[in-house]
PDB file of N, CA and C in Angstrom:
ATOM      1  N   MET A   1     -74.120 -46.282 -59.694  1.00  0.00           N
ATOM      2  CA  MET A   1     -73.180 -45.216 -59.766  1.00  0.00           C
ATOM      3  C   MET A   1     -72.908 -44.955 -61.299  1.00  0.00           C
ATOM      4  N   SER A   2     -73.053 -43.716 -61.607  1.00  0.00           N
ATOM      5  CA  SER A   2     -72.637 -43.479 -63.187  1.00  0.00           C
ATOM      6  C   SER A   2     -71.199 -43.518 -63.367  1.00  0.00           C
ATOM      7  N   LEU A   3     -70.931 -43.724 -64.694  1.00  0.00           N
ATOM      8  CA  LEU A   3     -69.460 -43.852 -65.142  1.00  0.00           C
ATOM      9  C   LEU A   3     -68.681 -42.566 -64.752  1.00  0.00           C
ATOM     10  N   THR A   4     -69.415 -41.407 -64.851  1.00  0.00           N
ATOM     11  CA  THR A   4     -68.848 -40.079 -64.587  1.00  0.00           C
ATOM     12  C   THR A   4     -68.609 -39.902 -63.089  1.00  0.00           C
ATOM     13  N   SER A   5     -69.412 -40.500 -62.348  1.00  0.00           N
ATOM     14  CA  SER A   5     -69.392 -40.388 -60.916  1.00  0.00           C
ATOM     15  C   SER A   5     -68.171 -41.132 -60.557  1.00  0.00           C
ATOM     16  N   ALA A   6     -68.020 -42.506 -60.991  1.00  0.00           N
ATOM     17  CA  ALA A   6     -66.885 -43.183 -60.682  1.00  0.00           C
ATOM     18  C   ALA A   6     -65.606 -42.743 -61.084  1.00  0.00           C
ATOM     19  N   ALA A   7     -65.578 -42.115 -62.403  1.00  0.00           N
ATOM     20  CA  ALA A   7     -64.478 -41.536 -62.847  1.00  0.00           C
ATOM     21  C   ALA A   7     -64.016 -40.364 -62.058  1.00  0.00           C
ATOM     22  N   THR A   8     -64.887 -39.698 -61.639  1.00  0.00           N
ATOM     23  CA  THR A   8     -64.620 -38.382 -60.899  1.00  0.00           C
ATOM     24  C   THR A   8     -63.985 -38.773 -59.506  1.00  0.00           C
ATOM     25  N   LEU A   9     -64.556 -39.839 -58.927  1.00  0.00           N
ATOM     26  CA  LEU A   9     -63.846 -40.327 -57.645  1.00  0.00           C
ATOM     27  C   LEU A   9     -62.584 -40.861 -57.906  1.00  0.00           C
ATOM     28  N   ALA A  10     -62.394 -41.621 -58.905  1.00  0.00           N
ATOM     29  CA  ALA A  10     -61.044 -42.034 -59.332  1.00  0.00           C
ATOM     30  C   ALA A  10     -59.978 -40.916 -59.513  1.00  0.00           C
ATOM     31  N   THR A  11     -60.540 -39.877 -60.328  1.00  0.00           N
ATOM     32  CA  THR A  11     -59.579 -38.746 -60.531  1.00  0.00           C
ATOM     33  C   THR A  11     -59.131 -38.086 -59.136  1.00  0.00           C
ATOM     34  N   LEU A  12     -60.138 -37.921 -58.177  1.00  0.00           N
ATOM     35  CA  LEU A  12     -59.839 -37.344 -56.820  1.00  0.00           C
ATOM     36  C   LEU A  12     -58.847 -38.201 -56.082  1.00  0.00           C
ATOM     37  N   ASP A  13     -59.045 -39.553 -56.262  1.00  0.00           N
ATOM     38  CA  ASP A  13     -58.163 -40.527 -55.634  1.00  0.00           C
ATOM     39  C   ASP A  13     -56.657 -40.382 -56.126  1.00  0.00           C
ATOM     40  N   ARG A  14     -56.570 -40.175 -57.531  1.00  0.00           N
ATOM     41  CA  ARG A  14     -55.209 -40.199 -58.006  1.00  0.00           C
ATOM     42  C   ARG A  14     -54.584 -38.776 -57.983  1.00  0.00           C
ATOM     43  N   THR A  15     -55.362 -37.769 -58.108  1.00  0.00           N
ATOM     44  CA  THR A  15     -54.775 -36.384 -58.139  1.00  0.00           C
ATOM     45  C   THR A  15     -54.961 -35.608 -56.804  1.00  0.00           C
ATOM     46  N   GLY A  16     -55.775 -35.938 -55.873  1.00  0.00           N
ATOM     47  CA  GLY A  16     -56.069 -35.208 -54.729  1.00  0.00           C
ATOM     48  C   GLY A  16     -57.123 -34.147 -55.003  1.00  0.00           C
ATOM     49  N   PRO A  17     -57.411 -33.431 -53.945  1.00  0.00           N
ATOM     50  CA  PRO A  17     -58.572 -32.340 -54.036  1.00  0.00           C
ATOM     51  C   PRO A  17     -58.487 -31.477 -55.357  1.00  0.00           C
ATOM     52  N   ARG A  18     -59.535 -31.276 -55.878  1.00  0.00           N
ATOM     53  CA  ARG A  18     -59.667 -30.425 -57.172  1.00  0.00           C
ATOM     54  C   ARG A  18     -60.861 -29.383 -57.171  1.00  0.00           C
ATOM     55  N   ARG A  19     -60.727 -28.358 -57.860  1.00  0.00           N
ATOM     56  CA  ARG A  19     -61.864 -27.439 -58.082  1.00  0.00           C
ATOM     57  C   ARG A  19     -62.868 -28.111 -58.994  1.00  0.00           C
ATOM     58  N   ILE A  20     -64.108 -27.678 -58.838  1.00  0.00           N
ATOM     59  CA  ILE A  20     -65.295 -28.220 -59.696  1.00  0.00           C
ATOM     60  C   ILE A  20     -64.983 -27.858 -61.054  1.00  0.00           C
ATOM     61  N   THR A  21     -64.359 -26.762 -61.407  1.00  0.00           N
ATOM     62  CA  THR A  21     -64.113 -26.498 -62.719  1.00  0.00           C
ATOM     63  C   THR A  21     -63.008 -27.425 -63.463  1.00  0.00           C
ATOM     64  N   ASP A  22     -61.920 -27.713 -62.623  1.00  0.00           N
ATOM     65  CA  ASP A  22     -61.101 -28.683 -63.011  1.00  0.00           C
ATOM     66  C   ASP A  22     -61.611 -29.909 -63.133  1.00  0.00           C
ATOM     67  N   LEU A  23     -62.455 -30.488 -62.267  1.00  0.00           N
ATOM     68  CA  LEU A  23     -63.054 -31.795 -62.495  1.00  0.00           C
ATOM     69  C   LEU A  23     -63.970 -31.766 -63.625  1.00  0.00           C
ATOM     70  N   ALA A  24     -64.661 -30.797 -63.911  1.00  0.00           N
ATOM     71  CA  ALA A  24     -65.447 -30.736 -65.203  1.00  0.00           C
ATOM     72  C   ALA A  24     -64.653 -30.839 -66.391  1.00  0.00           C
ATOM     73  N   ALA A  25     -63.595 -30.122 -66.430  1.00  0.00           N
ATOM     74  CA  ALA A  25     -62.840 -30.162 -67.649  1.00  0.00           C
ATOM     75  C   ALA A  25     -62.119 -31.672 -67.722  1.00  0.00           C
ATOM     76  N   VAL A  26     -61.641 -32.215 -66.790  1.00  0.00           N
ATOM     77  CA  VAL A  26     -61.094 -33.548 -66.806  1.00  0.00           C
ATOM     78  C   VAL A  26     -62.045 -34.613 -67.258  1.00  0.00           C
ATOM     79  N   GLU A  27     -63.211 -34.466 -66.702  1.00  0.00           N
ATOM     80  CA  GLU A  27     -64.297 -35.563 -66.990  1.00  0.00           C
ATOM     81  C   GLU A  27     -65.143 -35.080 -68.251  1.00  0.00           C
ATOM     82  N   ARG A  28     -64.729 -33.935 -68.811  1.00  0.00           N
ATOM     83  CA  ARG A  28     -65.386 -33.587 -70.145  1.00  0.00           C
ATOM     84  C   ARG A  28     -66.940 -33.383 -69.898  1.00  0.00           C
ATOM     85  N   VAL A  29     -67.366 -32.653 -68.896  1.00  0.00           N
ATOM     86  CA  VAL A  29     -68.784 -32.389 -68.608  1.00  0.00           C
ATOM     87  C   VAL A  29     -68.911 -31.015 -68.330  1.00  0.00           C
ATOM     88  N   THR A  30     -70.097 -30.433 -68.393  1.00  0.00           N
ATOM     89  CA  THR A  30     -70.206 -28.849 -68.113  1.00  0.00           C
ATOM     90  C   THR A  30     -69.985 -28.634 -66.607  1.00  0.00           C
ATOM     91  N   GLN A  31     -69.687 -27.423 -66.184  1.00  0.00           N
ATOM     92  CA  GLN A  31     -69.683 -27.122 -64.878  1.00  0.00           C
ATOM     93  C   GLN A  31     -70.858 -27.288 -64.107  1.00  0.00           C
ATOM     94  N   PRO A  32     -72.008 -26.936 -64.601  1.00  0.00           N
ATOM     95  CA  PRO A  32     -73.336 -27.101 -63.951  1.00  0.00           C
ATOM     96  C   PRO A  32     -73.482 -28.695 -63.712  1.00  0.00           C
ATOM     97  N   ALA A  33     -73.272 -29.500 -64.694  1.00  0.00           N
ATOM     98  CA  ALA A  33     -73.277 -31.005 -64.487  1.00  0.00           C
ATOM     99  C   ALA A  33     -72.447 -31.499 -63.368  1.00  0.00           C
ATOM    100  N   MET A  34     -71.225 -30.989 -63.346  1.00  0.00           N
ATOM    101  CA  MET A  34     -70.314 -31.368 -62.325  1.00  0.00           C
ATOM    102  C   MET A  34     -70.708 -30.863 -60.932  1.00  0.00           C
ATOM    103  N   THR A  35     -71.185 -29.691 -60.891  1.00  0.00           N
ATOM    104  CA  THR A  35     -71.669 -29.242 -59.670  1.00  0.00           C
ATOM    105  C   THR A  35     -72.918 -30.045 -59.102  1.00  0.00           C
ATOM    106  N   ALA A  36     -73.834 -30.559 -60.000  1.00  0.00           N
ATOM    107  CA  ALA A  36     -74.888 -31.359 -59.590  1.00  0.00           C
ATOM    108  C   ALA A  36     -74.372 -32.708 -59.155  1.00  0.00           C
ATOM    109  N   LEU A  37     -73.405 -33.122 -59.887  1.00  0.00           N
ATOM    110  CA  LEU A  37     -72.736 -34.590 -59.488  1.00  0.00           C
ATOM    111  C   LEU A  37     -72.041 -34.542 -58.185  1.00  0.00           C
ATOM    112  N   VAL A  38     -71.279 -33.409 -57.996  1.00  0.00           N
ATOM    113  CA  VAL A  38     -70.584 -33.379 -56.635  1.00  0.00           C
ATOM    114  C   VAL A  38     -71.624 -33.175 -55.436  1.00  0.00           C
ATOM    115  N   ARG A  39     -72.635 -32.497 -55.741  1.00  0.00           N
ATOM    116  CA  ARG A  39     -73.751 -32.437 -54.696  1.00  0.00           C
ATOM    117  C   ARG A  39     -74.359 -33.717 -54.401  1.00  0.00           C
ATOM    118  N   VAL A  40     -74.670 -34.625 -55.432  1.00  0.00           N
ATOM    119  CA  VAL A  40     -75.130 -35.945 -55.149  1.00  0.00           C
ATOM    120  C   VAL A  40     -74.126 -36.784 -54.341  1.00  0.00           C
ATOM    121  N   MET A  41     -72.833 -36.667 -54.867  1.00  0.00           N
ATOM    122  CA  MET A  41     -71.736 -37.572 -54.215  1.00  0.00           C
ATOM    123  C   MET A  41     -71.514 -37.102 -52.827  1.00  0.00           C
ATOM    124  N   GLU A  42     -71.680 -35.673 -52.555  1.00  0.00           N
ATOM    125  CA  GLU A  42     -71.602 -35.013 -51.227  1.00  0.00           C
ATOM    126  C   GLU A  42     -72.679 -35.731 -50.281  1.00  0.00           C
ATOM    127  N   GLU A  43     -73.857 -35.677 -50.782  1.00  0.00           N
ATOM    128  CA  GLU A  43     -74.995 -36.118 -50.006  1.00  0.00           C
ATOM    129  C   GLU A  43     -74.864 -37.632 -49.739  1.00  0.00           C
ATOM    130  N   SER A  44     -74.104 -38.404 -50.482  1.00  0.00           N
ATOM    131  CA  SER A  44     -73.904 -39.901 -50.334  1.00  0.00           C
ATOM    132  C   SER A  44     -72.735 -40.104 -49.493  1.00  0.00           C
ATOM    133  N   GLY A  45     -72.036 -39.040 -49.101  1.00  0.00           N
ATOM    134  CA  GLY A  45     -70.906 -39.183 -48.039  1.00  0.00           C
ATOM    135  C   GLY A  45     -69.639 -39.526 -48.735  1.00  0.00           C
ATOM    136  N   LEU A  46     -69.517 -39.520 -50.113  1.00  0.00           N
ATOM    137  CA  LEU A  46     -68.280 -39.895 -50.880  1.00  0.00           C
ATOM    138  C   LEU A  46     -67.244 -38.772 -51.047  1.00  0.00           C
ATOM    139  N   VAL A  47     -67.764 -37.498 -51.059  1.00  0.00           N
ATOM    140  CA  VAL A  47     -66.820 -36.432 -51.316  1.00  0.00           C
ATOM    141  C   VAL A  47     -67.348 -35.315 -50.184  1.00  0.00           C
ATOM    142  N   GLU A  48     -66.402 -34.379 -50.032  1.00  0.00           N
ATOM    143  CA  GLU A  48     -66.851 -33.264 -49.163  1.00  0.00           C
ATOM    144  C   GLU A  48     -66.123 -32.005 -49.886  1.00  0.00           C
ATOM    145  N   ARG A  49     -66.630 -30.809 -49.504  1.00  0.00           N
ATOM    146  CA  ARG A  49     -65.923 -29.537 -50.001  1.00  0.00           C
ATOM    147  C   ARG A  49     -65.253 -28.927 -48.933  1.00  0.00           C
ATOM    148  N   ARG A  50     -64.039 -28.516 -49.259  1.00  0.00           N
ATOM    149  CA  ARG A  50     -63.053 -27.794 -48.098  1.00  0.00           C
ATOM    150  C   ARG A  50     -62.593 -26.468 -48.832  1.00  0.00           C
ATOM    151  N   GLY A  51     -62.304 -25.548 -47.950  1.00  0.00           N
ATOM    152  CA  GLY A  51     -61.681 -24.324 -48.551  1.00  0.00           C
ATOM    153  C   GLY A  51     -60.158 -24.663 -48.998  1.00  0.00           C
ATOM    154  N   ASP A  52     -59.577 -23.831 -49.725  1.00  0.00           N
ATOM    155  CA  ASP A  52     -58.316 -24.050 -50.176  1.00  0.00           C
ATOM    156  C   ASP A  52     -57.431 -23.056 -49.373  1.00  0.00           C
ATOM    157  N   ALA A  53     -56.521 -23.666 -48.635  1.00  0.00           N
ATOM    158  CA  ALA A  53     -55.659 -22.807 -47.738  1.00  0.00           C
ATOM    159  C   ALA A  53     -54.903 -21.779 -48.424  1.00  0.00           C
ATOM    160  N   SER A  54     -54.543 -21.976 -49.702  1.00  0.00           N
ATOM    161  CA  SER A  54     -53.652 -20.969 -50.491  1.00  0.00           C
ATOM    162  C   SER A  54     -54.612 -19.815 -51.090  1.00  0.00           C
ATOM    163  N   ASP A  55     -55.921 -20.166 -51.108  1.00  0.00           N
ATOM    164  CA  ASP A  55     -56.822 -19.145 -51.784  1.00  0.00           C
ATOM    165  C   ASP A  55     -58.176 -19.278 -51.117  1.00  0.00           C
ATOM    166  N   LYS A  56     -58.520 -18.401 -50.222  1.00  0.00           N
ATOM    167  CA  LYS A  56     -59.758 -18.500 -49.501  1.00  0.00           C
ATOM    168  C   LYS A  56     -61.019 -18.468 -50.372  1.00  0.00           C
ATOM    169  N   ARG A  57     -60.821 -18.035 -51.619  1.00  0.00           N
ATOM    170  CA  ARG A  57     -62.023 -17.860 -52.498  1.00  0.00           C
ATOM    171  C   ARG A  57     -62.380 -19.147 -53.213  1.00  0.00           C
ATOM    172  N   VAL A  58     -61.438 -20.180 -52.989  1.00  0.00           N
ATOM    173  CA  VAL A  58     -61.554 -21.413 -53.765  1.00  0.00           C
ATOM    174  C   VAL A  58     -62.157 -22.530 -52.752  1.00  0.00           C
ATOM    175  N   THR A  59     -63.068 -23.287 -53.399  1.00  0.00           N
ATOM    176  CA  THR A  59     -63.521 -24.506 -52.695  1.00  0.00           C
ATOM    177  C   THR A  59     -63.084 -25.649 -53.522  1.00  0.00           C
ATOM    178  N   LEU A  60     -62.496 -26.726 -52.719  1.00  0.00           N
ATOM    179  CA  LEU A  60     -61.998 -27.879 -53.494  1.00  0.00           C
ATOM    180  C   LEU A  60     -62.831 -28.991 -52.967  1.00  0.00           C
ATOM    181  N   VAL A  61     -63.003 -29.971 -54.053  1.00  0.00           N
ATOM    182  CA  VAL A  61     -63.792 -31.261 -53.720  1.00  0.00           C
ATOM    183  C   VAL A  61     -62.701 -32.135 -53.275  1.00  0.00           C
ATOM    184  N   CYS A  62     -63.003 -32.917 -52.308  1.00  0.00           N
ATOM    185  CA  CYS A  62     -62.111 -33.980 -51.579  1.00  0.00           C
ATOM    186  C   CYS A  62     -62.808 -35.173 -51.371  1.00  0.00           C
ATOM    187  N   LEU A  63     -62.185 -36.378 -51.443  1.00  0.00           N
ATOM    188  CA  LEU A  63     -62.616 -37.693 -51.311  1.00  0.00           C
ATOM    189  C   LEU A  63     -62.808 -37.759 -49.682  1.00  0.00           C
ATOM    190  N   THR A  64     -63.927 -38.414 -49.281  1.00  0.00           N
ATOM    191  CA  THR A  64     -64.034 -38.875 -47.900  1.00  0.00           C
ATOM    192  C   THR A  64     -63.449 -40.262 -47.772  1.00  0.00           C
ATOM    193  N   GLU A  65     -63.285 -40.762 -46.585  1.00  0.00           N
ATOM    194  CA  GLU A  65     -62.890 -42.079 -46.302  1.00  0.00           C
ATOM    195  C   GLU A  65     -63.756 -43.035 -47.043  1.00  0.00           C
ATOM    196  N   ALA A  66     -65.169 -42.826 -47.050  1.00  0.00           N
ATOM    197  CA  ALA A  66     -66.018 -43.629 -47.688  1.00  0.00           C
ATOM    198  C   ALA A  66     -65.862 -43.603 -49.247  1.00  0.00           C
ATOM    199  N   GLY A  67     -65.507 -42.416 -49.822  1.00  0.00           N
ATOM    200  CA  GLY A  67     -65.247 -42.303 -51.203  1.00  0.00           C
ATOM    201  C   GLY A  67     -63.848 -43.104 -51.551  1.00  0.00           C
ATOM    202  N   ALA A  68     -62.997 -42.931 -50.709  1.00  0.00           N
ATOM    203  CA  ALA A  68     -61.732 -43.700 -51.047  1.00  0.00           C
ATOM    204  C   ALA A  68     -61.868 -45.130 -51.008  1.00  0.00           C
ATOM    205  N   SER A  69     -62.656 -45.654 -49.916  1.00  0.00           N
ATOM    206  CA  SER A  69     -63.012 -46.987 -49.836  1.00  0.00           C
ATOM    207  C   SER A  69     -63.744 -47.495 -50.977  1.00  0.00           C
ATOM    208  N   TYR A  70     -64.716 -46.787 -51.493  1.00  0.00           N
ATOM    209  CA  TYR A  70     -65.509 -47.182 -52.748  1.00  0.00           C
ATOM    210  C   TYR A  70     -64.433 -47.321 -53.943  1.00  0.00           C
ATOM    211  N   VAL A  71     -63.511 -46.396 -54.097  1.00  0.00           N
ATOM    212  CA  VAL A  71     -62.557 -46.547 -55.162  1.00  0.00           C
ATOM    213  C   VAL A  71     -61.795 -47.767 -55.139  1.00  0.00           C
ATOM    214  N   ARG A  72     -61.278 -48.046 -53.891  1.00  0.00           N
ATOM    215  CA  ARG A  72     -60.371 -49.222 -53.536  1.00  0.00           C
ATOM    216  C   ARG A  72     -61.226 -50.456 -54.032  1.00  0.00           C
ATOM    217  N   THR A  73     -62.565 -50.520 -53.395  1.00  0.00           N
ATOM    218  CA  THR A  73     -63.257 -51.701 -53.721  1.00  0.00           C
ATOM    219  C   THR A  73     -63.591 -51.916 -55.106  1.00  0.00           C
ATOM    220  N   ARG A  74     -63.865 -50.887 -55.804  1.00  0.00           N
ATOM    221  CA  ARG A  74     -64.164 -50.948 -57.244  1.00  0.00           C
ATOM    222  C   ARG A  74     -62.870 -51.446 -58.076  1.00  0.00           C
ATOM    223  N   ARG A  75     -61.820 -50.884 -57.626  1.00  0.00           N
ATOM    224  CA  ARG A  75     -60.555 -51.235 -58.234  1.00  0.00           C
ATOM    225  C   ARG A  75     -60.284 -52.778 -58.009  1.00  0.00           C
ATOM    226  N   GLN A  76     -60.454 -53.254 -56.791  1.00  0.00           N
ATOM    227  CA  GLN A  76     -60.177 -54.592 -56.482  1.00  0.00           C
ATOM    228  C   GLN A  76     -60.988 -55.531 -57.298  1.00  0.00           C
ATOM    229  N   ALA A  77     -62.350 -55.130 -57.360  1.00  0.00           N
ATOM    230  CA  ALA A  77     -63.311 -55.943 -58.218  1.00  0.00           C
ATOM    231  C   ALA A  77     -62.846 -56.130 -59.607  1.00  0.00           C
ATOM    232  N   GLY A  78     -62.319 -55.025 -60.240  1.00  0.00           N
ATOM    233  CA  GLY A  78     -61.774 -54.946 -61.558  1.00  0.00           C
ATOM    234  C   GLY A  78     -60.530 -56.021 -61.640  1.00  0.00           C
ATOM    235  N   VAL A  79     -59.626 -55.870 -60.722  1.00  0.00           N
ATOM    236  CA  VAL A  79     -58.629 -56.703 -60.682  1.00  0.00           C
ATOM    237  C   VAL A  79     -59.010 -58.321 -60.668  1.00  0.00           C
ATOM    238  N   HIS A  80     -59.944 -58.418 -59.808  1.00  0.00           N
ATOM    239  CA  HIS A  80     -60.366 -59.863 -59.650  1.00  0.00           C
ATOM    240  C   HIS A  80     -61.113 -60.353 -60.883  1.00  0.00           C
ATOM    241  N   ALA A  81     -61.748 -59.472 -61.585  1.00  0.00           N
ATOM    242  CA  ALA A  81     -62.485 -59.975 -62.866  1.00  0.00           C
ATOM    243  C   ALA A  81     -61.422 -60.288 -63.913  1.00  0.00           C
ATOM    244  N   PHE A  82     -60.386 -59.442 -64.023  1.00  0.00           N
ATOM    245  CA  PHE A  82     -59.301 -59.634 -64.944  1.00  0.00           C
ATOM    246  C   PHE A  82     -58.500 -60.934 -64.614  1.00  0.00           C
ATOM    247  N   GLU A  83     -58.326 -61.153 -63.311  1.00  0.00           N
ATOM    248  CA  GLU A  83     -57.698 -62.471 -62.922  1.00  0.00           C
ATOM    249  C   GLU A  83     -58.429 -63.581 -63.436  1.00  0.00           C
ATOM    250  N   GLN A  84     -59.642 -63.578 -63.236  1.00  0.00           N
ATOM    251  CA  GLN A  84     -60.457 -64.856 -63.762  1.00  0.00           C
ATOM    252  C   GLN A  84     -60.457 -64.826 -65.229  1.00  0.00           C
ATOM    253  N   LEU A  85     -60.493 -63.741 -65.973  1.00  0.00           N
ATOM    254  CA  LEU A  85     -60.450 -63.817 -67.478  1.00  0.00           C
ATOM    255  C   LEU A  85     -59.167 -64.345 -67.935  1.00  0.00           C
ATOM    256  N   ILE A  86     -58.119 -63.868 -67.296  1.00  0.00           N
ATOM    257  CA  ILE A  86     -56.693 -64.179 -67.741  1.00  0.00           C
ATOM    258  C   ILE A  86     -56.513 -65.736 -67.502  1.00  0.00           C
ATOM    259  N   GLY A  87     -57.058 -66.242 -66.389  1.00  0.00           N
ATOM    260  CA  GLY A  87     -56.924 -67.626 -66.149  1.00  0.00           C
ATOM    261  C   GLY A  87     -57.437 -68.524 -67.173  1.00  0.00           C
ATOM    262  N   GLU A  88     -58.393 -68.038 -68.151  1.00  0.00           N
ATOM    263  CA  GLU A  88     -58.988 -68.685 -69.169  1.00  0.00           C
ATOM    264  C   GLU A  88     -58.211 -68.613 -70.509  1.00  0.00           C
ATOM    265  N   LEU A  89     -57.146 -67.919 -70.526  1.00  0.00           N
ATOM    266  CA  LEU A  89     -56.404 -67.747 -71.732  1.00  0.00           C
ATOM    267  C   LEU A  89     -55.327 -68.891 -71.846  1.00  0.00           C
ATOM    268  N   THR A  90     -54.772 -69.126 -73.129  1.00  0.00           N
ATOM    269  CA  THR A  90     -53.789 -70.010 -73.340  1.00  0.00           C
ATOM    270  C   THR A  90     -52.570 -69.391 -72.848  1.00  0.00           C
ATOM    271  N   GLY A  91     -51.545 -70.242 -72.730  1.00  0.00           N
ATOM    272  CA  GLY A  91     -50.116 -69.756 -72.395  1.00  0.00           C
ATOM    273  C   GLY A  91     -49.653 -68.698 -73.460  1.00  0.00           C
ATOM    274  N   ASP A  92     -49.929 -69.078 -74.702  1.00  0.00           N
ATOM    275  CA  ASP A  92     -49.504 -68.018 -75.891  1.00  0.00           C
ATOM    276  C   ASP A  92     -50.210 -66.653 -75.707  1.00  0.00           C
ATOM    277  N   GLU A  93     -51.462 -66.814 -75.401  1.00  0.00           N
ATOM    278  CA  GLU A  93     -52.269 -65.506 -75.213  1.00  0.00           C
ATOM    279  C   GLU A  93     -51.730 -64.664 -73.986  1.00  0.00           C
ATOM    280  N   VAL A  94     -51.363 -65.392 -72.978  1.00  0.00           N
ATOM    281  CA  VAL A  94     -50.777 -64.733 -71.672  1.00  0.00           C
ATOM    282  C   VAL A  94     -49.369 -64.070 -72.101  1.00  0.00           C
ATOM    283  N   GLU A  95     -48.667 -64.788 -72.799  1.00  0.00           N
ATOM    284  CA  GLU A  95     -47.367 -64.243 -73.249  1.00  0.00           C
ATOM    285  C   GLU A  95     -47.460 -62.945 -74.068  1.00  0.00           C
ATOM    286  N   ALA A  96     -48.474 -63.041 -75.011  1.00  0.00           N
ATOM    287  CA  ALA A  96     -48.788 -61.885 -75.769  1.00  0.00           C
ATOM    288  C   ALA A  96     -49.291 -60.684 -74.974  1.00  0.00           C
ATOM    289  N   LEU A  97     -50.137 -60.931 -73.966  1.00  0.00           N
ATOM    290  CA  LEU A  97     -50.550 -59.892 -73.103  1.00  0.00           C
ATOM    291  C   LEU A  97     -49.157 -59.290 -72.258  1.00  0.00           C
ATOM    292  N   VAL A  98     -48.419 -60.194 -71.701  1.00  0.00           N
ATOM    293  CA  VAL A  98     -47.223 -59.682 -71.101  1.00  0.00           C
ATOM    294  C   VAL A  98     -46.313 -58.822 -72.089  1.00  0.00           C
ATOM    295  N   ALA A  99     -46.157 -59.241 -73.227  1.00  0.00           N
ATOM    296  CA  ALA A  99     -45.283 -58.519 -74.279  1.00  0.00           C
ATOM    297  C   ALA A  99     -45.989 -57.220 -74.492  1.00  0.00           C
ATOM    298  N   ALA A 100     -47.382 -57.126 -74.520  1.00  0.00           N
ATOM    299  CA  ALA A 100     -48.054 -55.743 -74.845  1.00  0.00           C
ATOM    300  C   ALA A 100     -48.034 -55.002 -73.522  1.00  0.00           C
ATOM    301  N   LEU A 101     -47.636 -55.330 -72.425  1.00  0.00           N
ATOM    302  CA  LEU A 101     -47.754 -54.413 -71.201  1.00  0.00           C
ATOM    303  C   LEU A 101     -47.040 -53.051 -71.304  1.00  0.00           C
ATOM    304  N   PRO A 102     -45.860 -53.003 -71.734  1.00  0.00           N
ATOM    305  CA  PRO A 102     -45.191 -51.726 -71.884  1.00  0.00           C
ATOM    306  C   PRO A 102     -45.969 -50.694 -72.723  1.00  0.00           C
ATOM    307  N   ALA A 103     -46.486 -51.137 -73.837  1.00  0.00           N
ATOM    308  CA  ALA A 103     -47.287 -50.258 -74.774  1.00  0.00           C
ATOM    309  C   ALA A 103     -48.597 -50.007 -74.086  1.00  0.00           C
ATOM    310  N   LEU A 104     -49.348 -50.828 -73.456  1.00  0.00           N
ATOM    311  CA  LEU A 104     -50.560 -50.461 -72.777  1.00  0.00           C
ATOM    312  C   LEU A 104     -50.408 -49.527 -71.544  1.00  0.00           C
ATOM    313  N   LYS A 105     -49.115 -49.722 -70.838  1.00  0.00           N
ATOM    314  CA  LYS A 105     -48.820 -48.728 -69.768  1.00  0.00           C
ATOM    315  C   LYS A 105     -48.635 -47.321 -70.393  1.00  0.00           C
ATOM    316  N   HIS A 106     -47.881 -47.288 -71.504  1.00  0.00           N
ATOM    317  CA  HIS A 106     -47.721 -45.964 -72.099  1.00  0.00           C
ATOM    318  C   HIS A 106     -48.921 -45.366 -72.634  1.00  0.00           C
ATOM    319  N   LEU A 107     -49.856 -46.105 -73.199  1.00  0.00           N
ATOM    320  CA  LEU A 107     -51.179 -45.626 -73.544  1.00  0.00           C
ATOM    321  C   LEU A 107     -51.951 -45.005 -72.269  1.00  0.00           C
ATOM    322  N   ALA A 108     -51.850 -45.726 -71.200  1.00  0.00           N
ATOM    323  CA  ALA A 108     -52.650 -45.284 -69.971  1.00  0.00           C
ATOM    324  C   ALA A 108     -51.865 -44.024 -69.505  1.00  0.00           C
ATOM    325  N   GLU A 109     -50.686 -43.915 -69.605  1.00  0.00           N
ATOM    326  CA  GLU A 109     -50.012 -42.651 -69.207  1.00  0.00           C
ATOM    327  C   GLU A 109     -50.389 -41.516 -70.055  1.00  0.00           C
ATOM    328  N   LEU A 110     -50.348 -41.731 -71.255  1.00  0.00           N
ATOM    329  CA  LEU A 110     -50.792 -40.681 -72.225  1.00  0.00           C
ATOM    330  C   LEU A 110     -52.255 -40.172 -72.076  1.00  0.00           C
ATOM    331  N   GLU A 111     -53.179 -41.171 -71.830  1.00  0.00           N
ATOM    332  CA  GLU A 111     -54.575 -40.818 -71.560  1.00  0.00           C
ATOM    333  C   GLU A 111     -54.757 -40.054 -70.265  1.00  0.00           C
ATOM    334  N   SER A 112     -54.105 -40.512 -69.289  1.00  0.00           N
ATOM    335  CA  SER A 112     -54.037 -39.837 -67.904  1.00  0.00           C
ATOM    336  C   SER A 112     -53.602 -38.516 -68.115  1.00  0.00           C
ATOM    337  N   GLN A 113     -52.609 -38.186 -68.799  1.00  0.00           N
ATOM    338  CA  GLN A 113     -52.043 -36.860 -68.921  1.00  0.00           C
ATOM    339  C   GLN A 113     -53.033 -35.993 -69.760  1.00  0.00           C
ATOM    340  N   ASP A 114     -53.762 -36.621 -70.723  1.00  0.00           N
ATOM    341  CA  ASP A 114     -54.711 -35.867 -71.591  1.00  0.00           C
ATOM    342  C   ASP A 114     -55.904 -35.339 -70.773  1.00  0.00           C
ATOM    343  N   ARG A 115     -56.224 -36.410 -69.810  1.00  0.00           N
ATOM    344  CA  ARG A 115     -57.519 -36.041 -69.085  1.00  0.00           C
ATOM    345  C   ARG A 115     -57.247 -35.238 -67.920  1.00  0.00           C
ATOM    346  N   GLU A 116     -56.119 -35.429 -67.243  1.00  0.00           N
ATOM    347  CA  GLU A 116     -55.847 -34.628 -66.070  1.00  0.00           C
ATOM    348  C   GLU A 116     -55.344 -33.163 -66.228  1.00  0.00           C
ATOM    349  N   GLY A 117     -54.675 -33.078 -67.378  1.00  0.00           N
ATOM    350  CA  GLY A 117     -53.929 -31.763 -67.636  1.00  0.00           C
ATOM    351  C   GLY A 117     -53.014 -31.382 -66.531  1.00  0.00           C
ATOM    352  N   PRO A 118     -52.638 -30.103 -66.521  1.00  0.00           N
ATOM    353  CA  PRO A 118     -51.627 -29.769 -65.603  1.00  0.00           C
ATOM    354  C   PRO A 118     -52.138 -29.864 -64.126  1.00  0.00           C
ATOM    355  N   LYS A 119     -51.309 -30.448 -63.236  1.00  0.00           N
ATOM    356  CA  LYS A 119     -51.704 -30.554 -61.815  1.00  0.00           C
ATOM    357  C   LYS A 119     -51.637 -29.159 -60.989  1.00  0.00           C
ATOM    358  N   GLN A 120     -52.514 -29.140 -60.064  1.00  0.00           N
ATOM    359  CA  GLN A 120     -52.567 -27.908 -59.249  1.00  0.00           C
ATOM    360  C   GLN A 120     -51.130 -27.679 -58.596  1.00  0.00           C
TER     361      GLN A 120
END
């Protein structure tokens, strides 16, 4: 799976259903590229398109249970990989990481706000 596909699934998991135009902006790709990507993920059973109850003209891209499961599995694999790597650090290095956590959390929040923009 491409990084853009994985990032799109993660965005849908974090923010809920989105329009293709919103997803394209968040993932910084063109709308035609996102449309093609959504079509492939739809054929794979990871996402589905649904109408928007508040605006019948709008179609939203939603995670399926298979898509949500994929995101959970991928995140858990990342956590496991970090656990193994952190286990190889010295005590001082672990303390340095713990001390850096507030700044890292803030960076992640800033990046998330930048990528996701205003919520629906």
